[in-house]
């Protein structure tokens, strides 16, 4: 199924040389929208894809469901010709996309990303159990946003804020996502996005094989064979993990020996990652071990700060020497 989806994506897009490599968010200067909302996009964003995912996701293209169904609006920026009718339409589509109201909506030209590796890893559990999808068919994609033009990605809260006056569902979502425990750093792209040579794909099988994820962080749940009737926690479990992985001051410390064992599991994942991506992937997975103060006996005088969601993690110098030469 996934190979068929990949083939569909490659055929459609490669046969149309006029297809843009990205569709940018581009509010007009007289729209009253502050253009600075396109700034401050995280360096790395994550997306999880399965054969059941809407749109097209492979190592060459990430496309919306609207692109997959080849609808005329699939090449139109949401801010283009933004009269009252267009605003109502976009608000309805955005509401449907963010609330997951319609899986195969031909009008949906959005694609979701997240800045939180923790959130997307827990989503693997959800998809594996809910759909019965094998780990080999579930892929984690990470992109370097600095390799894309400004306007390729946009924070969901900014889009919600712009269009919430035109849709009650968005107004409710605005209230929910302004609660820290219900926000997970979602970003959106639109239309077709070429990610070839700008991404790294890792199968869930690589992450979970030989219990690697739980060896990195034992607070993750054991992964059993997926059953469609199972209803795994997602949002609640992410919040639980936030509180246990990054504990308050005074929590028991991790010894250097235990730290070495956990980093070995990170190293095993990195064996399936290309050389250019080993450093960022290592940083994000090593951050799951816990904050710097949770590790006993580390020299942190020259630590570097890595911005991750939901908080900043200090990574000791020796870890950078090991993974980021």
Protein backbone atom coordinates (compact mmCIF):
# COMPACT_ATOMS: atom_id res chain seq x y z
CA UNK A 1 0.00 0.00 0.00
CA UNK A 2 2.75 2.45 0.95
CA UNK A 3 4.73 1.66 -2.20
CA UNK A 4 1.58 2.33 -4.23
CA UNK A 5 1.12 5.67 -2.47
CA UNK A 6 4.76 6.56 -3.16
CA UNK A 7 4.35 5.67 -6.81
CA UNK A 8 1.24 7.82 -7.10
CA UNK A 9 3.07 10.76 -5.59
CA UNK A 10 6.10 10.36 -7.82
CA UNK A 11 4.07 9.88 -10.99
CA UNK A 12 1.84 12.87 -10.51
CA UNK A 13 4.51 15.30 -9.47
CA UNK A 14 7.43 14.23 -11.63
CA UNK A 15 5.22 14.30 -14.74
CA UNK A 16 4.32 17.93 -14.08
CA UNK A 17 7.48 20.04 -14.18
CA UNK A 18 5.49 23.19 -13.42
CA UNK A 19 4.65 21.85 -9.97
CA UNK A 20 6.22 24.25 -7.41
CA UNK A 21 8.59 22.84 -4.80
CA UNK A 22 6.51 24.51 -2.10
CA UNK A 23 3.35 26.59 -1.76
CA UNK A 24 4.15 29.54 0.49
CA UNK A 25 1.93 31.27 3.01
CA UNK A 26 1.94 34.81 1.67
CA UNK A 27 -0.50 37.28 3.29
CA UNK A 28 -0.79 40.49 1.27
CA UNK A 29 0.59 43.72 2.78
CA UNK A 30 -2.89 45.27 2.97
CA UNK A 31 -4.48 42.27 4.71
CA UNK A 32 -3.73 43.62 8.16
CA UNK A 33 -1.86 40.40 9.02
CA UNK A 34 1.48 40.89 10.74
CA UNK A 35 4.09 39.34 8.44
CA UNK A 36 6.33 38.53 11.42
CA UNK A 37 4.08 35.54 12.13
CA UNK A 38 6.12 33.75 9.44
CA UNK A 39 9.28 34.12 11.53
CA UNK A 40 10.68 31.98 14.36
CA UNK A 41 9.95 28.58 12.85
CA UNK A 42 11.83 25.80 14.73
CA UNK A 43 14.93 24.47 12.98
CA UNK A 44 13.52 20.92 12.84
CA UNK A 45 9.95 19.69 12.41
CA UNK A 46 8.58 16.15 12.54
CA UNK A 47 5.82 14.33 10.70
CA UNK A 48 4.56 10.77 11.08
CA UNK A 49 3.07 8.95 8.09
CA UNK A 50 1.37 5.58 7.61
CA UNK A 51 -0.43 4.00 4.63
CA UNK A 52 -3.63 5.37 6.19
CA UNK A 53 -2.41 8.98 6.33
CA UNK A 54 -4.20 11.56 4.23
CA UNK A 55 -2.35 13.09 1.30
CA UNK A 56 1.02 11.85 0.08
CA UNK A 57 4.14 11.48 2.20
CA UNK A 58 7.37 9.95 0.94
CA UNK A 59 11.03 10.91 0.91
CA UNK A 60 10.54 13.14 -2.12
CA UNK A 61 7.21 14.90 -1.54
CA UNK A 62 4.81 15.73 1.27
CA UNK A 63 1.45 16.74 -0.16
CA UNK A 64 -2.00 17.55 1.12
CA UNK A 65 -5.11 15.49 0.48
CA UNK A 66 -6.22 18.23 -1.90
CA UNK A 67 -3.09 17.66 -3.98
CA UNK A 68 -3.58 13.89 -3.91
CA UNK A 69 -7.09 14.35 -5.31
CA UNK A 70 -5.84 17.00 -7.77
CA UNK A 71 -8.39 19.64 -6.83
CA UNK A 72 -8.02 23.12 -8.40
CA UNK A 73 -7.44 24.83 -5.04
CA UNK A 74 -4.42 22.64 -4.28
CA UNK A 75 -2.07 25.24 -5.78
CA UNK A 76 -3.75 28.27 -4.15
CA UNK A 77 -2.37 29.96 -1.04
CA UNK A 78 -5.00 30.32 1.69
CA UNK A 79 -4.30 34.05 1.74
CA UNK A 80 -4.89 34.52 -2.00
CA UNK A 81 -7.99 36.60 -2.84
CA UNK A 82 -8.98 36.59 0.82
CA UNK A 83 -12.48 38.07 0.69
CA UNK A 84 -15.19 37.20 3.21
CA UNK A 85 -16.29 34.08 1.32
CA UNK A 86 -12.70 32.82 1.14
CA UNK A 87 -12.15 33.43 4.85
CA UNK A 88 -15.25 31.43 5.77
CA UNK A 89 -14.15 28.58 3.50
CA UNK A 90 -10.58 28.49 4.81
CA UNK A 91 -11.84 28.61 8.41
CA UNK A 92 -14.11 25.63 7.75
CA UNK A 93 -11.29 23.61 6.16
CA UNK A 94 -8.81 24.52 8.91
CA UNK A 95 -11.35 23.55 11.56
CA UNK A 96 -11.92 20.20 9.85
CA UNK A 97 -8.17 19.57 9.51
CA UNK A 98 -7.19 20.43 13.08
CA UNK A 99 -10.13 18.58 14.66
CA UNK A 100 -9.64 15.55 12.34
CA UNK A 101 -13.29 15.78 11.24
CA UNK A 102 -12.83 14.32 7.73
CA UNK A 103 -9.91 12.07 6.86
CA UNK A 104 -10.09 12.37 3.06
CA UNK A 105 -11.40 15.89 2.58
CA UNK A 106 -10.65 16.93 -1.04
CA UNK A 107 -10.69 20.60 0.03
CA UNK A 108 -8.04 20.07 2.72
CA UNK A 109 -4.82 21.62 1.45
CA UNK A 110 -3.02 21.53 4.82
CA UNK A 111 -0.29 19.18 6.09
CA UNK A 112 0.54 18.92 9.80
CA UNK A 113 4.00 18.92 11.42
CA UNK A 114 5.14 19.15 15.03
CA UNK A 115 8.17 20.49 16.85
CA UNK A 116 7.77 17.85 19.58
CA UNK A 117 9.52 14.52 19.08
CA UNK A 118 7.83 13.29 22.26
CA UNK A 119 4.39 13.99 20.78
CA UNK A 120 5.13 12.24 17.48
CA UNK A 121 6.67 9.20 19.20
CA UNK A 122 3.52 8.73 21.25
CA UNK A 123 1.54 9.04 18.02
CA UNK A 124 3.33 5.89 16.84
CA UNK A 125 1.65 3.96 19.66
CA UNK A 126 -1.69 5.48 18.71
CA UNK A 127 -1.46 4.59 15.01
CA UNK A 128 0.03 1.15 15.65
CA UNK A 129 -2.80 0.14 17.96
CA UNK A 130 -5.67 2.02 16.31
CA UNK A 131 -5.00 0.89 12.73
CA UNK A 132 -3.07 -2.29 13.38
CA UNK A 133 -0.33 -0.76 11.21
CA UNK A 134 3.01 -2.54 11.42
CA UNK A 135 6.02 -0.59 12.68
CA UNK A 136 7.77 -1.14 9.35
CA UNK A 137 4.95 0.80 7.64
CA UNK A 138 5.09 3.75 10.03
CA UNK A 139 7.70 6.38 9.14
CA UNK A 140 8.99 9.35 11.08
CA UNK A 141 10.13 12.25 8.88
CA UNK A 142 12.24 15.14 10.13
CA UNK A 143 12.91 18.20 7.97
CA UNK A 144 15.39 21.04 8.32
CA UNK A 145 13.23 24.15 7.95
CA UNK A 146 16.27 26.30 7.16
CA UNK A 147 16.41 24.55 3.77
CA UNK A 148 13.00 25.94 2.83
CA UNK A 149 11.96 29.50 1.96
CA UNK A 150 10.31 31.73 4.52
CA UNK A 151 6.56 31.11 4.51
CA UNK A 152 6.78 27.35 3.90
CA UNK A 153 5.59 26.61 7.44
CA UNK A 154 3.22 28.45 9.74
CA UNK A 155 2.33 28.01 13.41
CA UNK A 156 -1.17 26.60 13.84
CA UNK A 157 -2.03 29.14 16.55
CA UNK A 158 -1.35 32.00 14.14
CA UNK A 159 -3.65 30.52 11.50
CA UNK A 160 -6.31 29.80 14.10
CA UNK A 161 -6.09 33.37 15.37
CA UNK A 162 -6.53 34.79 11.86
CA UNK A 163 -9.57 32.69 10.97
CA UNK A 164 -11.27 31.93 14.33
CA UNK A 165 -13.81 34.75 13.97
CA UNK A 166 -15.29 32.82 11.04
CA UNK A 167 -15.73 29.44 12.73
CA UNK A 168 -16.92 28.41 16.21
CA UNK A 169 -14.80 25.24 16.14
CA UNK A 170 -11.64 27.29 15.69
CA UNK A 171 -12.68 29.59 18.52
CA UNK A 172 -12.98 26.57 20.82
CA UNK A 173 -9.66 25.21 19.59
CA UNK A 174 -8.01 28.57 20.25
CA UNK A 175 -9.06 28.32 23.91
CA UNK A 176 -7.84 24.73 24.23
CA UNK A 177 -4.46 25.24 22.57
CA UNK A 178 -3.65 28.23 24.71
CA UNK A 179 -3.55 25.81 27.67
CA UNK A 180 0.10 24.63 27.99
CA UNK A 181 -0.86 21.03 28.76
CA UNK A 182 -2.89 20.80 25.54
CA UNK A 183 -0.40 22.36 23.16
CA UNK A 184 2.23 20.35 21.27
CA UNK A 185 3.86 22.69 18.78
CA UNK A 186 1.85 22.05 15.61
CA UNK A 187 2.89 23.72 12.35
CA UNK A 188 1.26 23.58 8.94
CA UNK A 189 2.46 23.54 5.35
CA UNK A 190 0.12 23.68 2.38
CA UNK A 191 -0.14 22.06 -1.02
CA UNK A 192 2.94 20.27 -2.37
CA UNK A 193 6.27 20.36 -0.56
CA UNK A 194 9.42 18.81 -2.00
CA UNK A 195 11.48 17.44 0.88
CA UNK A 196 14.05 15.47 -1.12
CA UNK A 197 17.57 16.12 0.27
CA UNK A 198 15.98 18.15 3.08
CA UNK A 199 14.70 15.34 5.26
CA UNK A 200 15.55 12.17 7.13
CA UNK A 201 13.10 9.27 7.33
CA UNK A 202 13.26 6.65 10.09
CA UNK A 203 10.88 3.73 10.38
CA UNK A 204 9.17 3.09 13.69
CA UNK A 205 10.62 -0.41 13.49
CA UNK A 206 14.13 1.07 13.85
CA UNK A 207 13.07 3.14 16.88
CA UNK A 208 11.33 0.30 18.71
CA UNK A 209 13.51 -2.64 17.68
CA UNK A 210 15.37 -4.32 20.56
CA UNK A 211 13.35 -2.10 22.94
CA UNK A 212 15.47 0.93 21.98
CA UNK A 213 12.96 3.63 22.87
CA UNK A 214 12.38 2.21 26.36
CA UNK A 215 16.10 1.75 26.85
CA UNK A 216 16.52 5.48 26.13
CA UNK A 217 13.64 6.37 28.42
CA UNK A 218 12.03 3.59 30.53
CA UNK A 219 8.95 5.74 31.16
CA UNK A 220 7.69 4.95 27.65
CA UNK A 221 5.15 2.11 27.63
CA UNK A 222 5.92 -1.33 26.34
CA UNK A 223 4.81 -1.82 22.75
CA UNK A 224 2.59 -4.83 22.19
CA UNK A 225 1.15 -6.16 18.96
CA UNK A 226 -1.44 -3.71 17.74
CA UNK A 227 -5.14 -4.56 18.01
CA UNK A 228 -7.81 -2.40 16.43
CA UNK A 229 -9.97 -2.57 19.54
CA UNK A 230 -7.20 -1.12 21.71
CA UNK A 231 -7.57 2.55 22.60
CA UNK A 232 -4.13 3.86 23.56
CA UNK A 233 -3.77 7.17 25.35
CA UNK A 234 -2.14 9.93 23.35
CA UNK A 235 -2.48 13.45 24.74
CA UNK A 236 -2.71 12.33 28.37
CA UNK A 237 0.27 10.05 27.92
CA UNK A 238 2.34 12.86 26.42
CA UNK A 239 1.59 15.02 29.46
CA UNK A 240 2.50 12.15 31.79
CA UNK A 241 5.80 11.68 29.97
CA UNK A 242 6.54 15.40 30.11
CA UNK A 243 6.31 15.28 33.89
CA UNK A 244 8.29 12.08 34.32
CA UNK A 245 11.04 12.58 31.73
CA UNK A 246 11.75 16.12 32.91
CA UNK A 247 11.21 15.80 36.68
CA UNK A 248 11.39 18.65 39.21
CA UNK A 249 14.63 19.46 41.05
CA UNK A 250 15.56 16.95 43.72
CA UNK A 251 14.61 13.86 41.70
CA UNK A 252 16.97 10.84 41.70
CA UNK A 253 19.94 11.29 39.38
CA UNK A 254 21.08 9.13 36.48
CA UNK A 255 24.53 7.63 36.96
CA UNK A 256 27.21 7.86 34.24
CA UNK A 257 26.91 4.09 33.71
CA UNK A 258 23.17 4.27 33.13
CA UNK A 259 23.65 7.28 30.89
CA UNK A 260 26.09 5.27 28.77
CA UNK A 261 23.58 2.44 28.43
CA UNK A 262 20.86 4.84 27.28
CA UNK A 263 23.16 6.52 24.79
CA UNK A 264 23.99 3.12 23.32
CA UNK A 265 20.32 2.80 22.31
CA UNK A 266 20.54 6.24 20.68
CA UNK A 267 23.64 5.09 18.81
CA UNK A 268 21.77 2.05 17.48
CA UNK A 269 19.10 4.32 15.99
CA UNK A 270 21.78 6.52 14.46
CA UNK A 271 23.14 3.55 12.51
CA UNK A 272 20.06 3.95 10.31
CA UNK A 273 20.51 7.72 9.86
CA UNK A 274 22.58 9.41 7.16
CA UNK A 275 25.75 11.24 8.19
CA UNK A 276 24.32 14.75 7.74
CA UNK A 277 21.43 13.99 10.08
CA UNK A 278 23.19 12.11 12.88
CA UNK A 279 23.80 15.22 15.00
CA UNK A 280 20.25 16.66 15.12
CA UNK A 281 18.65 13.22 15.45
CA UNK A 282 21.05 12.37 18.28
CA UNK A 283 20.27 15.59 20.10
CA UNK A 284 16.52 15.07 19.99
CA UNK A 285 16.63 11.43 21.07
CA UNK A 286 19.27 12.09 23.76
CA UNK A 287 17.03 14.88 25.10
CA UNK A 288 14.48 12.19 25.97
CA UNK A 289 16.88 10.91 28.63
CA UNK A 290 16.10 13.96 30.76
CA UNK A 291 17.44 17.42 31.62
CA UNK A 292 21.11 18.08 32.30
CA UNK A 293 20.52 18.29 36.05
CA UNK A 294 19.09 14.78 35.96
CA UNK A 295 22.52 13.36 35.02
CA UNK A 296 25.06 12.85 37.81
CA UNK A 297 28.66 13.89 37.47
CA UNK A 298 28.51 15.91 34.24
CA UNK A 299 30.74 18.92 33.59
CA UNK A 300 28.25 21.52 32.32
CA UNK A 301 30.46 24.60 32.24
CA UNK A 302 30.45 24.72 28.44
CA UNK A 303 27.07 23.14 27.75
CA UNK A 304 25.15 24.08 24.64
CA UNK A 305 21.43 24.76 24.81
CA UNK A 306 19.18 22.88 22.41
CA UNK A 307 15.68 24.28 21.95
CA UNK A 308 13.19 21.42 22.13
CA UNK A 309 9.57 21.09 22.98
CA UNK A 310 8.34 21.39 25.66
CA UNK A 311 11.37 22.95 27.30
CA UNK A 312 15.07 23.61 26.78
CA UNK A 313 17.44 20.72 27.37
CA UNK A 314 21.09 21.19 28.27
CA UNK A 315 23.30 18.64 26.59
CA UNK A 316 26.73 18.04 28.13
CA UNK A 317 29.80 18.66 26.02
CA UNK A 318 30.78 15.00 25.86
CA UNK A 319 27.53 14.12 24.11
CA UNK A 320 28.26 16.61 21.36
CA UNK A 321 31.74 15.11 20.95
CA UNK A 322 30.16 11.67 20.58
CA UNK A 323 27.42 12.50 18.09
CA UNK A 324 28.31 15.87 16.54
CA UNK A 325 32.00 15.78 15.52
